[in-house]
Amino acid sequence: MRAWRLLVFAKGPVPGAVKTRLVPPLTPEQAARVHTAALRDTVAAACAALPRDATELWVAGDAATAEHIACVVPGLRVERQVSGDLGARLADGFARSFERGSERVVIVGSDHPTLPGERLREAFEALGPHPVVLGPSEDGGYYAVGLARETWPAARGLFDAIPWSSAAVLSVTLARAAGLGLRATLLPLWYDLDDAASLARVLRDAAPGSEIARLFGEPELAPLRALFA
């Protein structure tokens, strides 16, 4: 298990740059707080299912953004993502992790605050018999991707010329894996937090003590909860 590495990919909670599909009804500042709560819940679930030192935060942005997120979610190693599209950033995350000796690496986004931590553990366990693991999202993408060390560098091709932010991401990636001779397995389907409908679902599914539940229990946001009923 020491050779397992979970990378949580996250953006900085910058108003106007995150969760923009929640504005309106939320303000940019409120949407940024939702982003932060989702990140904290994602990390909490991961750390409940895996050793805390197996989880790292990989931040998109400059050094100041990385320092800020290190304060928002303390106690984890923080790395900065490279520039480029999502494919370039995913490939770099795997490459650097394998260079450091990791045997199984899983990358998950921070937009899944109700994802059970057990799903992430299942991803690592599936990397024993399978070289590639994907967690399919309801929108046609994937919420997690995992690779075993022996797939690298051939698996870099999984991230080249993918139609990111489209409903074809998962299907194209599976076809690419087959073309590369890499056997992929799928985790259970899950959903992303990205708009009002998915926020309503998150609020229904969120545990009472979660960050997202506490956020919408505050005086500022509690009255808005009815908008997502």
C-alpha atoms as a PDB file:
ATOM      1  CA  MET A   1       0.000   0.000   0.000  1.00  0.00           C
ATOM      2  CA  ARG A   2       2.975   2.317   0.463  1.00  0.00           C
ATOM      3  CA  ALA A   3       3.399   2.312  -3.309  1.00  0.00           C
ATOM      4  CA  TRP A   4      -0.172   3.545  -3.834  1.00  0.00           C
ATOM      5  CA  ARG A   5      -0.576   7.208  -4.693  1.00  0.00           C
ATOM      6  CA  LEU A   6      -3.860   9.138  -4.992  1.00  0.00           C
ATOM      7  CA  LEU A   7      -3.654  12.507  -6.735  1.00  0.00           C
ATOM      8  CA  VAL A   8      -6.581  14.878  -6.119  1.00  0.00           C
ATOM      9  CA  PHE A   9      -6.654  17.373  -8.973  1.00  0.00           C
ATOM     10  CA  ALA A  10      -8.047  20.750  -7.910  1.00  0.00           C
ATOM     11  CA  LYS A  11      -8.370  24.333  -9.026  1.00  0.00           C
ATOM     12  CA  GLY A  12      -7.907  27.257  -6.683  1.00  0.00           C
ATOM     13  CA  PRO A  13     -11.183  28.556  -5.152  1.00  0.00           C
ATOM     14  CA  VAL A  14     -11.129  31.790  -7.155  1.00  0.00           C
ATOM     15  CA  PRO A  15     -14.530  33.541  -7.415  1.00  0.00           C
ATOM     16  CA  GLY A  16     -15.587  33.762 -11.036  1.00  0.00           C
ATOM     17  CA  ALA A  17     -13.237  30.955 -12.115  1.00  0.00           C
ATOM     18  CA  VAL A  18     -14.805  27.912 -10.423  1.00  0.00           C
ATOM     19  CA  LYS A  19     -18.327  26.484 -10.367  1.00  0.00           C
ATOM     20  CA  THR A  20     -19.442  29.158 -12.839  1.00  0.00           C
ATOM     21  CA  ARG A  21     -22.533  27.121 -13.818  1.00  0.00           C
ATOM     22  CA  LEU A  22     -23.891  27.749 -10.308  1.00  0.00           C
ATOM     23  CA  VAL A  23     -23.904  31.523 -10.957  1.00  0.00           C
ATOM     24  CA  PRO A  24     -26.738  32.465 -10.697  1.00  0.00           C
ATOM     25  CA  PRO A  25     -28.438  31.638  -8.361  1.00  0.00           C
ATOM     26  CA  LEU A  26     -25.226  31.708  -6.311  1.00  0.00           C
ATOM     27  CA  THR A  27     -22.813  34.615  -6.362  1.00  0.00           C
ATOM     28  CA  PRO A  28     -19.255  33.935  -7.603  1.00  0.00           C
ATOM     29  CA  GLU A  29     -18.060  34.094  -3.996  1.00  0.00           C
ATOM     30  CA  GLN A  30     -20.651  31.568  -2.847  1.00  0.00           C
ATOM     31  CA  ALA A  31     -19.812  29.263  -5.763  1.00  0.00           C
ATOM     32  CA  ALA A  32     -16.136  29.404  -4.768  1.00  0.00           C
ATOM     33  CA  ARG A  33     -17.116  28.345  -1.243  1.00  0.00           C
ATOM     34  CA  VAL A  34     -19.024  25.385  -2.718  1.00  0.00           C
ATOM     35  CA  HIS A  35     -15.861  24.471  -4.629  1.00  0.00           C
ATOM     36  CA  THR A  36     -13.818  24.567  -1.420  1.00  0.00           C
ATOM     37  CA  ALA A  37     -16.365  22.463   0.477  1.00  0.00           C
ATOM     38  CA  ALA A  38     -16.410  19.883  -2.328  1.00  0.00           C
ATOM     39  CA  LEU A  39     -12.621  19.677  -2.271  1.00  0.00           C
ATOM     40  CA  ARG A  40     -12.546  19.159   1.486  1.00  0.00           C
ATOM     41  CA  ASP A  41     -15.205  16.452   1.328  1.00  0.00           C
ATOM     42  CA  THR A  42     -13.407  14.674  -1.507  1.00  0.00           C
ATOM     43  CA  VAL A  43     -10.164  14.662   0.478  1.00  0.00           C
ATOM     44  CA  ALA A  44     -11.926  13.570   3.676  1.00  0.00           C
ATOM     45  CA  ALA A  45     -13.455  10.574   1.912  1.00  0.00           C
ATOM     46  CA  ALA A  46     -10.096   9.649   0.408  1.00  0.00           C
ATOM     47  CA  CYS A  47      -8.277   9.885   3.741  1.00  0.00           C
ATOM     48  CA  ALA A  48     -10.952   7.778   5.430  1.00  0.00           C
ATOM     49  CA  ALA A  49     -10.414   4.959   2.935  1.00  0.00           C
ATOM     50  CA  LEU A  50      -6.647   5.237   2.392  1.00  0.00           C
ATOM     51  CA  PRO A  51      -3.619   6.175   4.498  1.00  0.00           C
ATOM     52  CA  ARG A  52      -3.420   9.962   4.641  1.00  0.00           C
ATOM     53  CA  ASP A  53       0.139   9.958   3.347  1.00  0.00           C
ATOM     54  CA  ALA A  54      -1.055   8.195   0.188  1.00  0.00           C
ATOM     55  CA  THR A  55      -3.060  11.271  -0.866  1.00  0.00           C
ATOM     56  CA  GLU A  56      -1.629  14.357  -2.552  1.00  0.00           C
ATOM     57  CA  LEU A  57      -3.185  17.602  -3.794  1.00  0.00           C
ATOM     58  CA  TRP A  58      -2.255  18.571  -7.331  1.00  0.00           C
ATOM     59  CA  VAL A  59      -3.179  22.182  -7.921  1.00  0.00           C
ATOM     60  CA  ALA A  60      -3.809  24.034 -11.164  1.00  0.00           C
ATOM     61  CA  GLY A  61      -2.420  27.540 -10.838  1.00  0.00           C
ATOM     62  CA  ASP A  62       0.533  29.496  -9.563  1.00  0.00           C
ATOM     63  CA  ALA A  63       2.572  29.091  -6.375  1.00  0.00           C
ATOM     64  CA  ALA A  64       0.245  31.399  -4.424  1.00  0.00           C
ATOM     65  CA  THR A  65      -2.735  29.225  -5.369  1.00  0.00           C
ATOM     66  CA  ALA A  66      -0.895  26.119  -4.225  1.00  0.00           C
ATOM     67  CA  GLU A  67      -0.051  27.772  -0.901  1.00  0.00           C
ATOM     68  CA  HIS A  68      -3.664  28.804  -0.426  1.00  0.00           C
ATOM     69  CA  ILE A  69      -4.993  25.290  -1.040  1.00  0.00           C
ATOM     70  CA  ALA A  70      -2.369  23.902   1.326  1.00  0.00           C
ATOM     71  CA  CYS A  71      -4.017  26.041   4.017  1.00  0.00           C
ATOM     72  CA  VAL A  72      -7.551  25.087   2.949  1.00  0.00           C
ATOM     73  CA  VAL A  73      -6.736  21.368   3.162  1.00  0.00           C
ATOM     74  CA  PRO A  74      -3.716  21.132   5.491  1.00  0.00           C
ATOM     75  CA  GLY A  75      -1.517  18.151   6.110  1.00  0.00           C
ATOM     76  CA  LEU A  76      -1.159  16.883   2.544  1.00  0.00           C
ATOM     77  CA  ARG A  77       1.682  17.102   0.093  1.00  0.00           C
ATOM     78  CA  VAL A  78       0.883  19.731  -2.536  1.00  0.00           C
ATOM     79  CA  GLU A  79       2.170  19.655  -6.118  1.00  0.00           C
ATOM     80  CA  ARG A  80       1.504  22.068  -8.940  1.00  0.00           C
ATOM     81  CA  GLN A  81       0.050  20.787 -12.176  1.00  0.00           C
ATOM     82  CA  VAL A  82       1.862  21.620 -15.392  1.00  0.00           C
ATOM     83  CA  SER A  83       0.262  23.952 -17.910  1.00  0.00           C
ATOM     84  CA  GLY A  84      -1.606  22.561 -20.882  1.00  0.00           C
ATOM     85  CA  ASP A  85      -4.868  20.744 -21.445  1.00  0.00           C
ATOM     86  CA  LEU A  86      -6.231  18.108 -19.087  1.00  0.00           C
ATOM     87  CA  GLY A  87      -4.512  15.343 -21.008  1.00  0.00           C
ATOM     88  CA  ALA A  88      -1.089  16.926 -20.569  1.00  0.00           C
ATOM     89  CA  ARG A  89      -1.722  17.455 -16.866  1.00  0.00           C
ATOM     90  CA  LEU A  90      -2.928  13.892 -16.272  1.00  0.00           C
ATOM     91  CA  ALA A  91       0.024  12.429 -18.154  1.00  0.00           C
ATOM     92  CA  ASP A  92       2.451  14.547 -16.139  1.00  0.00           C
ATOM     93  CA  GLY A  93       0.851  13.464 -12.857  1.00  0.00           C
ATOM     94  CA  PHE A  94       1.292   9.802 -13.714  1.00  0.00           C
ATOM     95  CA  ALA A  95       4.819  10.280 -15.085  1.00  0.00           C
ATOM     96  CA  ARG A  96       6.083  12.119 -12.002  1.00  0.00           C
ATOM     97  CA  SER A  97       4.417   9.668  -9.614  1.00  0.00           C
ATOM     98  CA  PHE A  98       5.895   6.628 -11.341  1.00  0.00           C
ATOM     99  CA  GLU A  99       9.315   8.299 -11.391  1.00  0.00           C
ATOM    100  CA  ARG A 100       9.062   8.553  -7.587  1.00  0.00           C
ATOM    101  CA  GLY A 101       8.473   4.838  -7.225  1.00  0.00           C
ATOM    102  CA  SER A 102       4.692   4.525  -7.105  1.00  0.00           C
ATOM    103  CA  GLU A 103       3.336   1.204  -8.338  1.00  0.00           C
ATOM    104  CA  ARG A 104      -0.354   2.128  -8.560  1.00  0.00           C
ATOM    105  CA  VAL A 105      -1.560   5.675  -9.168  1.00  0.00           C
ATOM    106  CA  VAL A 106      -5.139   6.993  -9.228  1.00  0.00           C
ATOM    107  CA  ILE A 107      -6.154  10.529 -10.147  1.00  0.00           C
ATOM    108  CA  VAL A 108      -9.526  11.901  -9.042  1.00  0.00           C
ATOM    109  CA  GLY A 109     -11.107  15.316  -9.457  1.00  0.00           C
ATOM    110  CA  SER A 110     -12.392  17.464  -6.615  1.00  0.00           C
ATOM    111  CA  ASP A 111     -15.947  17.740  -7.976  1.00  0.00           C
ATOM    112  CA  HIS A 112     -17.258  14.577  -6.316  1.00  0.00           C
ATOM    113  CA  PRO A 113     -17.980  15.469  -2.672  1.00  0.00           C
ATOM    114  CA  THR A 114     -20.348  12.537  -2.128  1.00  0.00           C
ATOM    115  CA  LEU A 115     -18.171   9.886  -3.806  1.00  0.00           C
ATOM    116  CA  PRO A 116     -17.623   7.098  -1.259  1.00  0.00           C
ATOM    117  CA  GLY A 117     -13.979   6.696  -0.351  1.00  0.00           C
ATOM    118  CA  GLU A 118     -14.429   2.958  -0.873  1.00  0.00           C
ATOM    119  CA  ARG A 119     -14.627   3.619  -4.614  1.00  0.00           C
ATOM    120  CA  LEU A 120     -11.072   4.950  -4.534  1.00  0.00           C
ATOM    121  CA  ARG A 121      -9.852   1.953  -2.584  1.00  0.00           C
ATOM    122  CA  GLU A 122     -11.604  -0.285  -5.110  1.00  0.00           C
ATOM    123  CA  ALA A 123      -9.722   1.525  -7.883  1.00  0.00           C
ATOM    124  CA  PHE A 124      -6.362   0.635  -6.341  1.00  0.00           C
ATOM    125  CA  GLU A 125      -7.392  -2.940  -5.683  1.00  0.00           C
ATOM    126  CA  ALA A 126      -8.592  -3.322  -9.276  1.00  0.00           C
ATOM    127  CA  LEU A 127      -5.149  -2.239 -10.499  1.00  0.00           C
ATOM    128  CA  GLY A 128      -3.858  -5.613  -9.366  1.00  0.00           C
ATOM    129  CA  PRO A 129      -5.554  -7.695 -12.094  1.00  0.00           C
ATOM    130  CA  HIS A 130      -6.186  -4.758 -14.466  1.00  0.00           C
ATOM    131  CA  PRO A 131      -3.630  -2.256 -15.818  1.00  0.00           C
ATOM    132  CA  VAL A 132      -6.184   0.556 -16.311  1.00  0.00           C
ATOM    133  CA  VAL A 133      -9.140   1.577 -14.130  1.00  0.00           C
ATOM    134  CA  LEU A 134     -11.732   4.218 -15.015  1.00  0.00           C
ATOM    135  CA  GLY A 135     -14.551   5.632 -12.907  1.00  0.00           C
ATOM    136  CA  PRO A 136     -17.301   6.601 -15.372  1.00  0.00           C
ATOM    137  CA  SER A 137     -19.278   9.805 -14.858  1.00  0.00           C
ATOM    138  CA  GLU A 138     -22.902  10.184 -15.865  1.00  0.00           C
ATOM    139  CA  ASP A 139     -21.947  12.966 -18.280  1.00  0.00           C
ATOM    140  CA  GLY A 140     -19.825  10.627 -20.419  1.00  0.00           C
ATOM    141  CA  GLY A 141     -16.482  11.494 -18.849  1.00  0.00           C
ATOM    142  CA  TYR A 142     -14.718   9.870 -15.936  1.00  0.00           C
ATOM    143  CA  TYR A 143     -14.297  10.912 -12.316  1.00  0.00           C
ATOM    144  CA  ALA A 144     -11.178   8.844 -11.719  1.00  0.00           C
ATOM    145  CA  VAL A 145      -8.461   7.162 -13.736  1.00  0.00           C
ATOM    146  CA  GLY A 146      -5.900   4.711 -12.421  1.00  0.00           C
ATOM    147  CA  LEU A 147      -2.821   3.112 -13.944  1.00  0.00           C
ATOM    148  CA  ALA A 148      -0.407   0.401 -12.879  1.00  0.00           C
ATOM    149  CA  ARG A 149       3.277   1.189 -13.228  1.00  0.00           C
ATOM    150  CA  GLU A 150       3.866  -1.392 -15.968  1.00  0.00           C
ATOM    151  CA  THR A 151       1.566   0.525 -18.326  1.00  0.00           C
ATOM    152  CA  TRP A 152       3.930   3.486 -18.492  1.00  0.00           C
ATOM    153  CA  PRO A 153       4.927   5.103 -20.840  1.00  0.00           C
ATOM    154  CA  ALA A 154       2.609   3.305 -23.298  1.00  0.00           C
ATOM    155  CA  ALA A 155      -0.448   4.561 -21.378  1.00  0.00           C
ATOM    156  CA  ARG A 156       0.485   8.161 -22.162  1.00  0.00           C
ATOM    157  CA  GLY A 157      -1.531   7.665 -25.335  1.00  0.00           C
ATOM    158  CA  LEU A 158      -4.724   7.501 -23.236  1.00  0.00           C
ATOM    159  CA  PHE A 159      -4.535  11.268 -22.794  1.00  0.00           C
ATOM    160  CA  ASP A 160      -3.571  12.505 -26.261  1.00  0.00           C
ATOM    161  CA  ALA A 161      -6.173  14.184 -28.508  1.00  0.00           C
ATOM    162  CA  ILE A 162      -9.145  13.335 -26.266  1.00  0.00           C
ATOM    163  CA  PRO A 163     -12.295  15.486 -26.758  1.00  0.00           C
ATOM    164  CA  TRP A 164     -12.221  16.813 -23.196  1.00  0.00           C
ATOM    165  CA  SER A 165     -15.439  18.245 -21.715  1.00  0.00           C
ATOM    166  CA  SER A 166     -17.552  16.195 -24.116  1.00  0.00           C
ATOM    167  CA  ALA A 167     -19.834  13.189 -23.684  1.00  0.00           C
ATOM    168  CA  ALA A 168     -17.363  11.090 -25.691  1.00  0.00           C
ATOM    169  CA  VAL A 169     -14.447  11.201 -23.243  1.00  0.00           C
ATOM    170  CA  LEU A 170     -15.014   7.783 -21.690  1.00  0.00           C
ATOM    171  CA  SER A 171     -15.832   5.954 -24.925  1.00  0.00           C
ATOM    172  CA  VAL A 172     -12.840   7.438 -26.746  1.00  0.00           C
ATOM    173  CA  THR A 173     -10.545   6.588 -23.822  1.00  0.00           C
ATOM    174  CA  LEU A 174     -11.770   2.981 -23.704  1.00  0.00           C
ATOM    175  CA  ALA A 175     -11.230   2.639 -27.446  1.00  0.00           C
ATOM    176  CA  ARG A 176      -7.754   4.129 -27.067  1.00  0.00           C
ATOM    177  CA  ALA A 177      -6.927   1.672 -24.270  1.00  0.00           C
ATOM    178  CA  ALA A 178      -7.994  -1.260 -26.451  1.00  0.00           C
ATOM    179  CA  GLY A 179      -5.875   0.075 -29.290  1.00  0.00           C
ATOM    180  CA  LEU A 180      -2.874   0.251 -26.990  1.00  0.00           C
ATOM    181  CA  GLY A 181      -3.431  -3.294 -25.775  1.00  0.00           C
ATOM    182  CA  LEU A 182      -4.298  -2.116 -22.249  1.00  0.00           C
ATOM    183  CA  ARG A 183      -7.149  -3.947 -20.527  1.00  0.00           C
ATOM    184  CA  ALA A 184      -9.420  -1.453 -18.736  1.00  0.00           C
ATOM    185  CA  THR A 185     -12.019  -2.090 -16.057  1.00  0.00           C
ATOM    186  CA  LEU A 186     -14.770   0.227 -14.852  1.00  0.00           C
ATOM    187  CA  LEU A 187     -15.763   1.332 -11.368  1.00  0.00           C
ATOM    188  CA  PRO A 188     -19.426   2.047 -10.513  1.00  0.00           C
ATOM    189  CA  LEU A 189     -21.015   5.057 -12.207  1.00  0.00           C
ATOM    190  CA  TRP A 190     -20.999   8.387 -10.325  1.00  0.00           C
ATOM    191  CA  TYR A 191     -21.808  12.057 -10.936  1.00  0.00           C
ATOM    192  CA  ASP A 192     -20.033  15.418 -10.921  1.00  0.00           C
ATOM    193  CA  LEU A 193     -20.966  18.586  -9.072  1.00  0.00           C
ATOM    194  CA  ASP A 194     -21.122  21.214 -11.793  1.00  0.00           C
ATOM    195  CA  ASP A 195     -24.595  22.791 -12.040  1.00  0.00           C
ATOM    196  CA  ALA A 196     -27.766  23.484 -10.058  1.00  0.00           C
ATOM    197  CA  ALA A 197     -29.256  20.034 -10.693  1.00  0.00           C
ATOM    198  CA  SER A 198     -26.146  18.211  -9.505  1.00  0.00           C
ATOM    199  CA  LEU A 199     -25.826  20.514  -6.492  1.00  0.00           C
ATOM    200  CA  ALA A 200     -29.396  19.580  -5.541  1.00  0.00           C
ATOM    201  CA  ARG A 201     -28.381  15.934  -5.757  1.00  0.00           C
ATOM    202  CA  VAL A 202     -25.268  16.542  -3.665  1.00  0.00           C
ATOM    203  CA  LEU A 203     -27.323  18.244  -0.966  1.00  0.00           C
ATOM    204  CA  ARG A 204     -29.687  15.255  -0.858  1.00  0.00           C
ATOM    205  CA  ASP A 205     -26.809  12.765  -0.672  1.00  0.00           C
ATOM    206  CA  ALA A 206     -24.415  14.669   1.593  1.00  0.00           C
ATOM    207  CA  ALA A 207     -23.769  13.341   5.080  1.00  0.00           C
ATOM    208  CA  PRO A 208     -24.974  15.705   7.853  1.00  0.00           C
ATOM    209  CA  GLY A 209     -21.437  16.391   9.070  1.00  0.00           C
ATOM    210  CA  SER A 210     -19.926  16.981   5.652  1.00  0.00           C
ATOM    211  CA  GLU A 211     -18.456  20.321   4.629  1.00  0.00           C
ATOM    212  CA  ILE A 212     -21.065  20.840   1.910  1.00  0.00           C
ATOM    213  CA  ALA A 213     -23.925  20.158   4.360  1.00  0.00           C
ATOM    214  CA  ARG A 214     -22.438  22.539   6.937  1.00  0.00           C
ATOM    215  CA  LEU A 215     -21.970  25.221   4.302  1.00  0.00           C
ATOM    216  CA  PHE A 216     -25.641  25.201   3.388  1.00  0.00           C
ATOM    217  CA  GLY A 217     -26.551  25.246   7.062  1.00  0.00           C
ATOM    218  CA  GLU A 218     -24.945  28.665   7.505  1.00  0.00           C
ATOM    219  CA  PRO A 219     -27.224  31.723   7.729  1.00  0.00           C
ATOM    220  CA  GLU A 220     -25.956  33.109   4.423  1.00  0.00           C
ATOM    221  CA  LEU A 221     -26.642  30.000   2.356  1.00  0.00           C
ATOM    222  CA  ALA A 222     -29.364  28.146   4.275  1.00  0.00           C
ATOM    223  CA  PRO A 223     -32.173  30.230   2.678  1.00  0.00           C
ATOM    224  CA  LEU A 224     -30.841  29.285  -0.773  1.00  0.00           C
ATOM    225  CA  ARG A 225     -31.122  25.568  -0.107  1.00  0.00           C
ATOM    226  CA  ALA A 226     -34.775  25.656  -1.170  1.00  0.00           C
ATOM    227  CA  LEU A 227     -33.651  26.680  -4.659  1.00  0.00           C
ATOM    228  CA  PHE A 228     -31.998  23.277  -5.045  1.00  0.00           C
ATOM    229  CA  ALA A 229     -34.795  21.164  -3.637  1.00  0.00           C
END
